[in-house]
N, C-alpha and C. Protein backbone atom coordinates (compact mmCIF):
# COMPACT_ATOMS: atom_id res chain seq x y z
N MET A 1 109.40 124.65 126.51
CA MET A 1 108.38 124.33 125.78
C MET A 1 108.73 124.27 124.21
N LEU A 2 109.21 125.51 123.64
CA LEU A 2 109.31 125.64 122.33
C LEU A 2 110.43 124.98 122.12
N LEU A 3 111.69 124.44 122.36
CA LEU A 3 112.22 123.49 122.09
C LEU A 3 111.80 122.17 122.51
N GLN A 4 110.90 121.73 123.33
CA GLN A 4 110.61 120.36 122.84
C GLN A 4 109.62 120.40 121.68
N LEU A 5 109.04 121.14 121.34
CA LEU A 5 108.02 121.10 120.35
C LEU A 5 108.56 120.87 119.21
N ALA A 6 109.75 121.35 119.30
CA ALA A 6 110.82 121.23 118.24
C ALA A 6 111.26 119.85 118.07
N GLU A 7 111.68 119.60 119.41
CA GLU A 7 112.21 118.24 119.52
C GLU A 7 111.35 117.04 118.72
N ALA A 8 109.94 117.52 119.40
CA ALA A 8 108.97 116.12 118.89
C ALA A 8 108.96 116.40 117.89
N LEU A 9 108.68 117.53 116.68
CA LEU A 9 108.52 118.02 115.36
C LEU A 9 110.04 117.13 114.24
N ASP A 10 110.68 116.85 115.29
CA ASP A 10 112.44 116.50 114.48
C ASP A 10 112.51 117.53 113.34
N LEU A 11 112.62 119.20 114.22
CA LEU A 11 113.06 120.21 113.26
C LEU A 11 114.65 120.32 112.82
N SER A 12 115.22 120.57 111.95
CA SER A 12 116.50 120.89 111.75
C SER A 12 116.76 122.07 112.65
N LEU A 13 117.74 122.34 113.30
CA LEU A 13 118.20 123.05 114.18
C LEU A 13 118.61 124.56 113.70
N ARG A 14 118.39 124.84 112.04
CA ARG A 14 118.16 126.06 111.55
C ARG A 14 116.84 126.26 111.66
N MET A 15 115.82 125.41 111.59
CA MET A 15 114.16 125.74 112.00
C MET A 15 114.08 125.78 113.18
N ARG A 16 114.66 125.40 114.20
CA ARG A 16 114.37 125.34 115.65
C ARG A 16 115.09 127.00 116.22
N ASN A 17 115.98 127.55 115.53
CA ASN A 17 116.59 128.80 115.88
C ASN A 17 115.27 129.94 115.51
N GLN A 18 114.65 129.67 114.06
CA GLN A 18 113.57 130.56 113.36
C GLN A 18 112.48 130.44 114.53
N PHE A 19 112.31 128.88 115.03
CA PHE A 19 110.93 128.72 115.63
C PHE A 19 111.55 129.18 117.04
N LEU A 20 112.30 129.95 117.62
CA LEU A 20 112.50 130.48 119.04
C LEU A 20 112.45 132.06 118.75
N ILE A 21 113.42 132.56 117.52
CA ILE A 21 113.18 134.07 117.01
C ILE A 21 111.61 134.43 117.13
N ALA A 22 111.07 133.79 116.19
CA ALA A 22 109.38 133.72 115.73
C ALA A 22 108.54 134.06 117.08
N ALA A 23 109.14 133.51 118.25
CA ALA A 23 108.54 133.42 119.56
C ALA A 23 108.84 134.78 120.21
N GLY A 24 110.60 135.39 120.12
CA GLY A 24 111.08 136.44 120.72
C GLY A 24 111.93 136.24 121.48
N PHE A 25 112.52 134.71 121.24
CA PHE A 25 113.72 133.94 121.92
C PHE A 25 114.80 134.47 121.27
N ALA A 26 115.78 134.41 121.74
CA ALA A 26 117.48 134.34 120.94
C ALA A 26 117.51 133.08 120.46
N PRO A 27 118.23 132.66 119.67
CA PRO A 27 118.68 131.17 118.67
C PRO A 27 119.40 131.25 119.86
N VAL A 28 119.63 129.96 119.80
CA VAL A 28 120.79 128.71 120.91
C VAL A 28 121.51 128.21 119.77
N TYR A 29 121.47 127.77 118.47
CA TYR A 29 122.23 126.85 117.98
C TYR A 29 123.06 127.58 117.49
N PRO A 30 124.77 127.83 117.59
CA PRO A 30 125.31 128.60 116.67
C PRO A 30 125.96 127.83 115.60
N ARG A 31 126.08 128.63 114.18
CA ARG A 31 126.97 128.24 112.90
C ARG A 31 127.88 128.55 112.36
N ARG A 32 128.98 127.30 113.18
CA ARG A 32 130.56 127.32 112.38
C ARG A 32 130.98 127.33 111.52
N ASP A 33 131.82 127.48 110.75
CA ASP A 33 132.33 127.26 109.71
C ASP A 33 133.25 126.30 109.90
N LEU A 34 133.00 124.93 109.06
CA LEU A 34 133.57 123.77 109.15
C LEU A 34 135.06 123.81 109.57
N GLY A 35 135.67 124.73 109.05
CA GLY A 35 137.10 124.99 109.17
C GLY A 35 137.31 125.91 110.18
N ALA A 36 136.81 125.90 111.31
CA ALA A 36 136.71 126.49 112.52
C ALA A 36 137.37 125.61 113.75
N PRO A 37 137.97 126.42 114.79
CA PRO A 37 139.02 125.50 115.62
C PRO A 37 137.85 124.34 116.10
N ASP A 38 136.70 125.01 116.59
CA ASP A 38 136.08 124.16 117.22
C ASP A 38 135.31 122.69 116.62
N MET A 39 135.75 123.05 115.27
CA MET A 39 135.07 121.89 114.15
C MET A 39 135.99 120.89 114.12
N ALA A 40 136.97 121.17 114.80
CA ALA A 40 138.31 120.32 114.38
C ALA A 40 137.94 118.71 114.96
N PRO A 41 137.12 118.39 115.33
CA PRO A 41 137.16 116.85 115.54
C PRO A 41 136.09 116.52 114.84
N VAL A 42 135.18 117.48 114.17
CA VAL A 42 133.99 117.37 113.18
C VAL A 42 134.98 117.00 111.93
N HIS A 43 135.76 117.94 111.56
CA HIS A 43 136.66 117.85 110.17
C HIS A 43 137.59 116.65 110.19
N ALA A 44 138.03 116.17 111.31
CA ALA A 44 138.84 115.64 111.59
C ALA A 44 138.10 113.91 110.92
N ALA A 45 136.88 113.84 111.89
CA ALA A 45 135.93 112.35 111.30
C ALA A 45 135.49 112.61 109.98
N LEU A 46 135.24 113.45 109.55
CA LEU A 46 134.66 113.66 108.00
C LEU A 46 136.22 112.97 107.09
N THR A 47 137.38 113.27 107.33
CA THR A 47 138.55 113.25 106.73
C THR A 47 139.00 111.92 106.67
N ARG A 48 138.46 110.99 108.26
CA ARG A 48 139.06 109.65 108.07
C ARG A 48 137.76 109.13 107.36
N MET A 49 136.63 109.30 107.66
CA MET A 49 135.63 108.31 106.69
C MET A 49 135.74 108.21 105.38
N LEU A 50 136.16 109.54 104.57
CA LEU A 50 136.76 109.46 102.97
C LEU A 50 137.91 108.88 102.93
N GLU A 51 138.66 108.89 103.52
CA GLU A 51 140.00 108.36 103.29
C GLU A 51 139.78 106.90 103.58
N HIS A 52 139.09 106.40 104.67
CA HIS A 52 139.01 104.83 104.52
C HIS A 52 137.69 104.32 103.39
N HIS A 53 136.94 105.12 102.61
CA HIS A 53 136.43 104.62 101.86
C HIS A 53 136.79 104.53 100.89
N GLU A 54 138.10 104.76 100.57
CA GLU A 54 139.09 104.61 98.91
C GLU A 54 138.90 103.13 99.14
N PRO A 55 138.86 102.54 97.48
CA PRO A 55 138.82 103.24 96.33
C PRO A 55 137.41 103.83 95.58
N PHE A 56 136.36 103.76 96.63
CA PHE A 56 135.27 104.04 96.27
C PHE A 56 134.91 105.48 96.57
N PRO A 57 134.15 105.87 95.83
CA PRO A 57 133.90 107.68 95.82
C PRO A 57 133.16 107.92 97.44
N ALA A 58 133.51 108.99 98.12
CA ALA A 58 132.85 109.70 98.78
C ALA A 58 132.80 111.24 99.10
N LEU A 59 131.74 111.71 99.43
CA LEU A 59 131.95 113.48 99.60
C LEU A 59 130.73 113.77 100.65
N VAL A 60 131.46 115.16 101.15
CA VAL A 60 130.94 115.80 102.05
C VAL A 60 130.27 116.83 101.38
N ILE A 61 128.56 116.88 101.56
CA ILE A 61 127.67 117.85 101.30
C ILE A 61 127.10 118.91 102.02
N ASP A 62 126.45 119.29 101.81
CA ASP A 62 125.74 120.40 102.78
C ASP A 62 124.14 120.45 102.32
N ARG A 63 123.42 120.93 102.52
CA ARG A 63 121.52 120.45 102.76
C ARG A 63 121.60 121.02 101.44
N ALA A 64 122.44 122.09 100.71
CA ALA A 64 121.98 122.38 99.32
C ALA A 64 122.49 121.34 98.58
N TRP A 65 123.43 120.97 98.72
CA TRP A 65 124.21 120.02 97.45
C TRP A 65 125.39 120.30 97.24
N ASN A 66 125.71 121.48 98.14
CA ASN A 66 127.16 122.04 97.65
C ASN A 66 128.38 120.93 98.08
N ARG A 67 129.42 120.56 97.28
CA ARG A 67 130.36 119.70 97.77
C ARG A 67 131.34 120.36 98.74
N LEU A 68 131.52 119.98 99.84
CA LEU A 68 132.32 120.87 101.01
C LEU A 68 133.93 119.88 100.83
N MET A 69 133.85 118.81 100.67
CA MET A 69 135.09 118.02 101.25
C MET A 69 134.61 116.43 99.99
N ALA A 70 135.74 115.97 99.51
CA ALA A 70 135.41 114.83 98.88
C ALA A 70 136.86 113.72 99.03
N ASN A 71 137.16 112.67 98.58
CA ASN A 71 138.40 112.21 98.70
C ASN A 71 138.72 111.73 97.07
N ARG A 72 139.86 110.75 97.29
CA ARG A 72 140.71 111.05 95.62
C ARG A 72 139.70 110.44 94.51
N ALA A 73 138.74 109.31 95.04
CA ALA A 73 137.93 108.64 94.13
C ALA A 73 137.26 109.16 93.66
N ALA A 74 136.45 110.52 94.60
CA ALA A 74 135.31 110.75 93.65
C ALA A 74 135.93 112.34 93.10
N ASP A 75 137.10 112.49 92.97
CA ASP A 75 137.80 113.40 92.39
C ASP A 75 138.16 112.52 90.81
N ARG A 76 138.34 111.54 91.06
CA ARG A 76 138.50 110.37 89.58
C ARG A 76 137.45 110.54 88.67
N ILE A 77 136.57 110.25 89.65
CA ILE A 77 134.86 110.45 88.65
C ILE A 77 135.13 111.40 87.77
N VAL A 78 134.90 112.63 88.48
CA VAL A 78 135.03 113.90 88.13
C VAL A 78 136.14 114.01 86.73
N SER A 79 137.41 113.74 87.03
CA SER A 79 138.18 113.94 86.14
C SER A 79 138.05 113.24 84.85
N LEU A 80 137.36 112.30 84.89
CA LEU A 80 136.60 111.37 83.89
C LEU A 80 135.82 112.59 82.52
N LEU A 81 135.56 113.54 82.92
CA LEU A 81 135.20 114.51 82.06
C LEU A 81 135.79 115.43 81.43
N GLY A 82 137.15 115.36 82.03
CA GLY A 82 138.43 116.50 81.50
C GLY A 82 139.04 117.00 82.99
N ASP A 83 139.44 117.94 82.94
CA ASP A 83 140.03 118.63 83.60
C ASP A 83 139.25 119.62 85.07
N PRO A 84 139.20 118.78 85.92
CA PRO A 84 138.33 118.68 87.17
C PRO A 84 137.71 120.73 87.71
N GLU A 85 139.35 121.58 87.13
CA GLU A 85 138.66 122.90 87.76
C GLU A 85 138.07 123.36 86.47
N THR A 86 137.82 122.94 85.65
CA THR A 86 137.71 123.61 83.87
C THR A 86 136.06 123.04 84.26
N VAL A 87 135.76 121.48 84.63
CA VAL A 87 134.66 121.04 84.44
C VAL A 87 133.69 121.88 85.52
N TRP A 88 134.53 121.58 86.56
CA TRP A 88 133.27 122.89 88.00
C TRP A 88 132.85 123.92 87.41
N ARG A 89 134.00 124.57 86.63
CA ARG A 89 133.90 126.20 86.29
C ARG A 89 132.72 126.05 85.25
N THR A 90 133.04 125.33 84.38
CA THR A 90 131.76 124.95 83.35
C THR A 90 130.37 125.06 83.93
N VAL A 91 130.24 124.22 85.25
CA VAL A 91 128.88 123.47 85.15
C VAL A 91 128.01 124.67 86.41
N CYS A 92 129.44 124.96 86.81
CA CYS A 92 128.93 125.67 88.49
C CYS A 92 129.65 127.27 88.48
N GLY A 93 130.21 127.75 87.28
CA GLY A 93 130.36 129.19 87.22
C GLY A 93 131.22 129.43 88.36
N ASP A 94 131.48 130.63 88.89
CA ASP A 94 132.18 131.17 89.84
C ASP A 94 131.13 130.39 91.17
N GLY A 95 130.17 129.38 91.21
CA GLY A 95 129.34 129.50 92.17
C GLY A 95 129.91 128.29 92.91
N PRO A 96 129.57 127.63 94.66
CA PRO A 96 130.27 126.28 94.99
C PRO A 96 130.07 125.36 94.06
N GLN A 97 130.80 124.26 94.41
CA GLN A 97 130.63 123.22 93.62
C GLN A 97 129.23 122.35 94.02
N ASN A 98 128.30 122.17 93.16
CA ASN A 98 127.32 121.49 93.30
C ASN A 98 126.81 120.66 92.57
N MET A 99 126.92 119.27 93.56
CA MET A 99 126.43 118.01 93.00
C MET A 99 125.32 117.62 91.61
N VAL A 100 124.32 118.22 92.35
CA VAL A 100 122.95 118.31 91.26
C VAL A 100 123.35 118.76 90.05
N LYS A 101 123.96 120.40 89.92
CA LYS A 101 124.56 121.11 88.91
C LYS A 101 125.41 120.00 88.39
N LEU A 102 126.39 119.36 88.71
CA LEU A 102 126.93 118.43 88.15
C LEU A 102 126.52 117.22 87.63
N LEU A 103 125.52 116.98 88.46
CA LEU A 103 124.36 115.43 87.51
C LEU A 103 123.82 116.06 86.37
N PHE A 104 122.96 117.35 86.88
CA PHE A 104 122.07 117.50 85.37
C PHE A 104 122.69 118.24 84.59
N HIS A 105 123.97 118.81 84.65
CA HIS A 105 124.42 119.61 83.38
C HIS A 105 124.77 118.93 82.11
N ALA A 106 124.27 119.54 81.24
CA ALA A 106 124.81 119.18 79.86
C ALA A 106 126.16 118.95 79.59
N GLN A 107 126.95 119.24 80.08
CA GLN A 107 128.41 118.93 80.00
C GLN A 107 128.57 118.81 81.51
N GLY A 108 128.06 118.24 82.36
CA GLY A 108 128.47 117.32 83.61
C GLY A 108 128.20 115.98 83.09
N LEU A 109 127.70 115.08 83.98
CA LEU A 109 127.37 113.80 83.81
C LEU A 109 126.06 113.52 83.37
N ARG A 110 125.11 114.29 83.12
CA ARG A 110 123.80 114.05 82.45
C ARG A 110 123.74 113.12 81.25
N PRO A 111 125.15 113.44 80.19
CA PRO A 111 125.01 113.02 78.84
C PRO A 111 125.14 111.02 78.98
N PHE A 112 126.05 110.95 80.50
CA PHE A 112 126.87 109.85 80.70
C PHE A 112 125.68 108.53 81.25
N ILE A 113 124.76 109.01 81.73
CA ILE A 113 123.61 108.72 82.69
C ILE A 113 122.77 107.54 82.08
N VAL A 114 122.86 106.27 81.68
CA VAL A 114 122.06 105.55 80.80
C VAL A 114 120.78 105.47 81.87
N ASN A 115 120.39 105.82 82.79
CA ASN A 115 119.24 105.35 83.74
C ASN A 115 118.87 106.88 84.00
N LEU A 116 118.78 107.70 83.21
CA LEU A 116 118.51 109.16 83.43
C LEU A 116 117.29 109.70 84.16
N ASP A 117 116.32 108.79 83.27
CA ASP A 117 115.03 109.66 83.53
C ASP A 117 114.68 108.76 85.15
N GLU A 118 115.45 107.83 85.16
CA GLU A 118 115.25 106.91 86.65
C GLU A 118 115.41 107.63 87.85
N VAL A 119 116.79 107.96 87.42
CA VAL A 119 117.59 108.71 88.57
C VAL A 119 116.82 109.87 88.40
N GLY A 120 116.77 110.68 87.53
CA GLY A 120 116.30 112.27 87.84
C GLY A 120 115.12 112.55 88.46
N SER A 121 113.96 111.66 88.19
CA SER A 121 113.13 111.48 88.78
C SER A 121 112.59 111.18 90.17
N GLU A 122 114.01 110.73 90.59
CA GLU A 122 113.85 110.35 92.11
C GLU A 122 114.52 111.47 92.38
N LEU A 123 115.44 111.96 91.88
CA LEU A 123 116.40 113.07 92.48
C LEU A 123 115.37 114.36 92.74
N ILE A 124 114.74 114.71 91.56
CA ILE A 124 113.99 115.69 91.79
C ILE A 124 112.65 115.66 92.90
N ALA A 125 112.04 114.98 92.91
CA ALA A 125 110.97 114.43 94.11
C ALA A 125 112.07 114.70 95.14
N ARG A 126 112.98 114.56 95.44
CA ARG A 126 113.49 114.56 96.94
C ARG A 126 113.97 115.80 96.73
N LEU A 127 114.34 116.19 96.26
CA LEU A 127 114.55 118.00 96.00
C LEU A 127 113.41 118.89 96.16
N LYS A 128 112.17 118.40 95.48
CA LYS A 128 110.69 119.34 95.86
C LYS A 128 110.33 119.49 97.33
N GLN A 129 110.94 118.15 97.92
CA GLN A 129 110.25 117.70 99.59
C GLN A 129 111.50 118.67 100.30
N GLU A 130 112.16 118.69 100.13
CA GLU A 130 113.54 119.41 100.63
C GLU A 130 113.38 120.87 100.21
N ALA A 131 113.15 121.46 99.16
CA ALA A 131 113.06 122.67 99.12
C ALA A 131 111.21 123.26 99.61
N GLU A 132 111.00 122.51 100.50
CA GLU A 132 109.79 123.45 101.32
C GLU A 132 109.92 123.75 102.43
N ASP A 133 111.34 123.90 102.96
CA ASP A 133 111.57 123.73 104.27
C ASP A 133 113.14 124.72 104.11
N HIS A 134 113.73 124.94 103.01
CA HIS A 134 115.19 125.54 102.83
C HIS A 134 115.27 126.08 101.26
N ALA A 135 115.09 127.78 101.52
CA ALA A 135 115.28 128.17 100.21
C ALA A 135 116.33 127.70 99.75
N PRO A 136 117.71 127.99 99.75
CA PRO A 136 118.73 127.45 98.69
C PRO A 136 118.18 126.31 97.64
N VAL A 137 117.56 125.45 98.59
CA VAL A 137 117.15 124.07 97.51
C VAL A 137 116.32 124.52 96.20
N ALA A 138 115.21 125.19 96.96
CA ALA A 138 114.34 125.59 96.04
C ALA A 138 114.80 126.23 94.84
N SER A 139 115.72 127.59 95.32
CA SER A 139 116.29 128.11 94.00
C SER A 139 117.43 127.24 93.04
N LEU A 140 117.92 126.09 93.71
CA LEU A 140 118.47 125.53 92.96
C LEU A 140 117.65 124.31 91.90
N LEU A 141 116.39 124.06 92.68
CA LEU A 141 115.64 123.15 92.07
C LEU A 141 115.04 124.09 90.71
N ASP A 142 114.63 125.39 90.92
CA ASP A 142 114.09 126.18 89.80
C ASP A 142 115.14 126.58 88.53
N GLU A 143 116.39 126.53 89.21
CA GLU A 143 117.62 126.73 88.14
C GLU A 143 117.64 125.56 87.49
N VAL A 144 117.62 124.31 87.88
CA VAL A 144 118.12 122.85 86.73
C VAL A 144 116.94 122.63 86.26
N LEU A 145 115.54 122.78 86.86
CA LEU A 145 114.33 122.83 85.82
C LEU A 145 114.46 123.29 84.94
N ALA A 146 114.93 124.79 84.72
CA ALA A 146 115.00 125.66 83.83
C ALA A 146 115.99 125.43 82.40
N TRP A 147 116.86 124.51 82.79
CA TRP A 147 118.31 124.18 82.06
C TRP A 147 117.67 123.45 80.72
N PRO A 148 118.36 123.90 79.34
CA PRO A 148 117.79 122.86 77.92
C PRO A 148 117.86 121.70 77.96
N GLY A 149 116.56 120.94 78.00
CA GLY A 149 117.13 118.96 78.13
C GLY A 149 116.53 118.32 79.00
N ILE A 150 116.10 119.01 80.31
CA ILE A 150 115.59 118.61 81.62
C ILE A 150 114.36 118.96 81.21
N PRO A 151 113.51 117.31 81.03
CA PRO A 151 112.26 116.60 80.71
C PRO A 151 111.41 117.50 81.76
N ARG A 152 110.38 118.36 80.95
CA ARG A 152 108.85 118.85 81.79
C ARG A 152 108.64 118.31 82.75
N ARG A 153 108.54 116.53 82.52
CA ARG A 153 107.74 115.76 83.35
C ARG A 153 108.48 115.80 84.66
N TRP A 154 109.69 116.00 84.61
CA TRP A 154 110.25 115.84 85.93
C TRP A 154 109.60 117.07 87.34
N ASN A 155 108.95 118.05 86.25
CA ASN A 155 108.60 119.20 87.60
C ASN A 155 107.14 118.50 88.13
N ARG A 156 106.98 118.10 87.38
CA ARG A 156 105.26 117.09 87.84
C ARG A 156 105.47 115.89 88.72
N THR A 157 106.72 115.38 88.72
CA THR A 157 107.18 113.86 88.81
C THR A 157 106.62 114.12 90.64
N GLU A 158 106.46 112.85 91.05
CA GLU A 158 105.95 112.66 92.37
C GLU A 158 106.94 111.06 92.90
N ARG A 159 107.21 111.39 94.03
CA ARG A 159 107.97 109.98 94.35
C ARG A 159 107.32 108.72 94.18
N ALA A 160 107.81 107.84 93.69
CA ALA A 160 107.39 106.61 93.17
C ALA A 160 107.60 105.53 94.06
N ALA A 161 107.14 104.19 94.30
CA ALA A 161 107.15 103.72 95.58
C ALA A 161 108.63 102.90 94.87
N ALA A 162 109.53 102.27 95.60
CA ALA A 162 110.85 101.95 95.48
C ALA A 162 110.59 100.48 94.55
N LEU A 163 111.15 100.05 93.82
CA LEU A 163 111.09 98.47 92.91
C LEU A 163 112.13 97.73 93.75
N ALA A 164 113.34 98.80 94.01
CA ALA A 164 114.60 97.94 94.41
C ALA A 164 115.05 98.28 95.63
N PRO A 165 115.95 97.39 96.37
CA PRO A 165 116.49 98.07 97.49
C PRO A 165 116.93 99.55 97.44
N VAL A 166 117.87 99.59 96.43
CA VAL A 166 118.70 100.39 96.52
C VAL A 166 118.47 100.98 94.86
N LEU A 167 118.41 102.65 94.28
CA LEU A 167 118.48 102.90 92.78
C LEU A 167 119.87 103.08 92.44
N ALA A 168 120.33 102.66 91.89
CA ALA A 168 121.89 102.73 91.10
C ALA A 168 121.61 103.63 90.01
N THR A 169 123.07 104.37 90.03
CA THR A 169 122.92 105.13 88.66
C THR A 169 124.10 104.63 88.16
N HIS A 170 123.52 104.33 86.59
CA HIS A 170 124.12 103.94 86.01
C HIS A 170 124.89 104.85 84.54
N PHE A 171 126.48 104.87 85.20
CA PHE A 171 127.34 105.58 83.81
C PHE A 171 127.92 104.70 82.88
N ARG A 172 127.83 105.27 81.67
CA ARG A 172 128.67 104.72 80.57
C ARG A 172 129.31 105.78 79.52
N ALA A 173 130.66 105.98 79.37
CA ALA A 173 131.28 106.58 78.65
C ALA A 173 132.64 106.02 78.21
N SER A 174 132.61 105.89 76.83
CA SER A 174 133.41 105.46 76.25
C SER A 174 133.88 103.72 76.64
N GLU A 175 134.73 103.70 77.26
CA GLU A 175 135.11 102.02 77.82
C GLU A 175 134.61 102.15 79.30
N ILE A 176 134.34 103.04 80.01
CA ILE A 176 133.91 103.46 81.16
C ILE A 176 132.20 102.58 81.37
N ASP A 177 132.18 101.99 81.75
CA ASP A 177 130.95 101.39 82.51
C ASP A 177 130.72 101.07 84.14
N LEU A 178 129.96 101.70 84.64
CA LEU A 178 130.11 101.98 86.00
C LEU A 178 128.68 102.18 86.56
N ARG A 179 128.34 101.29 87.56
CA ARG A 179 127.36 101.41 88.39
C ARG A 179 127.39 101.60 89.91
N LEU A 180 126.68 102.73 90.41
CA LEU A 180 127.19 103.13 91.76
C LEU A 180 125.95 103.01 92.17
N PHE A 181 125.38 102.91 93.67
CA PHE A 181 124.36 103.52 94.45
C PHE A 181 125.14 104.16 95.60
N GLY A 182 124.22 105.03 96.65
CA GLY A 182 124.83 105.91 97.38
C GLY A 182 124.16 105.75 98.81
N MET A 183 124.89 106.23 100.17
CA MET A 183 124.24 106.14 101.07
C MET A 183 124.42 107.16 102.20
N PHE A 184 123.73 108.01 102.63
CA PHE A 184 123.78 109.23 103.28
C PHE A 184 123.90 108.99 105.06
N THR A 185 124.92 109.45 105.92
CA THR A 185 125.51 109.44 106.67
C THR A 185 125.36 111.02 107.35
N THR A 186 124.81 111.08 108.48
CA THR A 186 124.76 112.16 109.54
C THR A 186 125.24 112.24 110.63
N PHE A 187 125.26 112.99 111.32
CA PHE A 187 125.63 113.11 112.57
C PHE A 187 124.90 113.01 113.28
N GLY A 188 124.75 111.88 114.74
CA GLY A 188 123.83 111.59 115.69
C GLY A 188 123.41 112.90 116.38
N THR A 189 123.90 113.26 117.02
CA THR A 189 123.63 114.27 118.24
C THR A 189 124.26 115.74 117.90
N PRO A 190 124.20 116.74 116.49
CA PRO A 190 124.77 117.86 116.29
C PRO A 190 124.23 118.82 117.21
N GLN A 191 125.11 119.61 117.43
CA GLN A 191 124.75 120.82 118.29
C GLN A 191 125.01 121.93 117.74
N ASP A 192 125.13 122.48 116.57
CA ASP A 192 125.49 123.60 115.69
C ASP A 192 125.23 122.86 113.97
N GLN A 193 124.53 124.19 113.63
CA GLN A 193 123.67 124.03 112.37
C GLN A 193 124.45 123.64 111.23
N THR A 194 125.83 123.85 111.06
CA THR A 194 126.47 123.30 110.02
C THR A 194 126.71 121.86 110.00
N ALA A 195 127.11 121.34 111.26
CA ALA A 195 127.02 119.76 111.59
C ALA A 195 125.91 119.34 111.63
N ASP A 196 124.34 119.77 111.83
CA ASP A 196 123.55 119.37 111.52
C ASP A 196 123.11 119.47 109.85
N GLU A 197 123.82 119.71 109.05
CA GLU A 197 123.25 120.32 107.71
C GLU A 197 124.15 118.83 106.85
N LEU A 198 125.31 119.03 107.62
CA LEU A 198 126.35 118.02 106.79
C LEU A 198 125.63 116.51 106.67
N ARG A 199 126.51 116.20 105.23
CA ARG A 199 125.77 114.71 104.84
C ARG A 199 127.40 113.99 104.11
N VAL A 200 127.37 112.77 104.48
CA VAL A 200 128.24 112.48 103.87
C VAL A 200 127.58 111.45 103.19
N GLU A 201 128.34 111.26 101.72
CA GLU A 201 127.56 110.29 101.03
C GLU A 201 128.71 109.53 100.51
N THR A 202 128.43 108.44 100.65
CA THR A 202 129.13 107.20 100.48
C THR A 202 128.75 106.49 98.89
N LEU A 203 129.58 106.43 98.12
CA LEU A 203 129.04 105.61 96.85
C LEU A 203 129.71 103.68 97.19
N TYR A 204 128.75 103.23 96.63
CA TYR A 204 129.53 101.77 96.36
C TYR A 204 129.20 101.21 95.43
N PRO A 205 130.03 100.42 94.80
CA PRO A 205 129.70 99.60 93.55
C PRO A 205 128.40 98.68 93.38
N VAL A 206 127.64 98.26 92.55
CA VAL A 206 126.63 97.29 92.42
C VAL A 206 127.15 95.87 92.11
N ASP A 207 127.84 95.69 91.24
CA ASP A 207 128.62 94.78 90.93
C ASP A 207 130.25 94.54 90.54
N GLU A 208 130.75 93.26 90.35
CA GLU A 208 132.27 93.23 91.07
C GLU A 208 132.89 93.98 89.17
N ALA A 209 132.05 94.13 88.17
CA ALA A 209 133.14 94.52 87.15
C ALA A 209 133.08 96.42 87.56
N SER A 210 132.20 97.11 88.29
CA SER A 210 132.35 98.07 88.83
C SER A 210 133.06 98.52 89.70
N GLU A 211 132.92 97.33 90.72
CA GLU A 211 134.17 97.66 91.59
C GLU A 211 135.52 97.05 91.01
N ARG A 212 135.75 96.37 90.34
CA ARG A 212 137.18 96.23 89.53
C ARG A 212 137.58 97.71 88.69
N LEU A 213 136.66 98.00 87.96
CA LEU A 213 136.67 99.20 87.29
C LEU A 213 137.27 100.60 88.84
N LEU A 214 136.32 100.62 89.65
CA LEU A 214 137.33 101.73 90.73
C LEU A 214 138.50 101.45 91.27
N ARG A 215 139.06 100.10 91.14
CA ARG A 215 140.22 99.86 91.67
C ARG A 215 141.58 99.88 90.73
N VAL A 216 140.86 99.86 89.53
CA VAL A 216 142.06 99.52 88.31
C VAL A 216 142.20 101.63 88.42
N LEU A 217 141.03 102.23 88.55
CA LEU A 217 141.28 103.41 88.42
C LEU A 217 142.23 104.43 89.74
N ALA A 218 142.00 103.78 90.48
CA ALA A 218 142.81 103.92 91.81
C ALA A 218 144.08 103.60 91.85
N ALA A 219 144.26 102.48 91.10
CA ALA A 219 146.03 101.85 90.93
C ALA A 219 146.66 102.61 89.51
């Protein structure tokens, strides 16, 4: 009965386990490391997706927006800021490589986002929604909103009605002018908490100039 209710409520596998524990039952959905032998088919599928998306950026993130895998095109975007290891250490310290921190950190991508207010407001609104049932996202949100230079009004933002089919992020730095929009892919029938919380973000160029730039960088 509990599992049927959880299915009807479309709860995450993490929440379904908590649901069962609260009722006095043992959890039924395991959590495996992405590198575990049982996860080999999942890892292979993710690798294939990332490779096939070249020369456009693609990455695998967990529910807290930590970067777990990425293709070469995604690494090339980070390398535009400098040595990737130095960039990630500056933005995230000794913690995991986090895409929200990369986007909003003063020494990350934030100074180069032309439409920062629009993109920032939308992402903060999404994070606020995700933080309601996932403590790591709540902690991430609190940390980012406390950074210098982050507009206070973002903390009061509400999701606005979309004015376009997709919201593109516009990057501009020196001779680089790039517009990208993203799509998320998830596993359709996950039976593991890790697989349930994985998301593949594939980024696409909005215009011919952006596509040409990505192909030139790849070459």
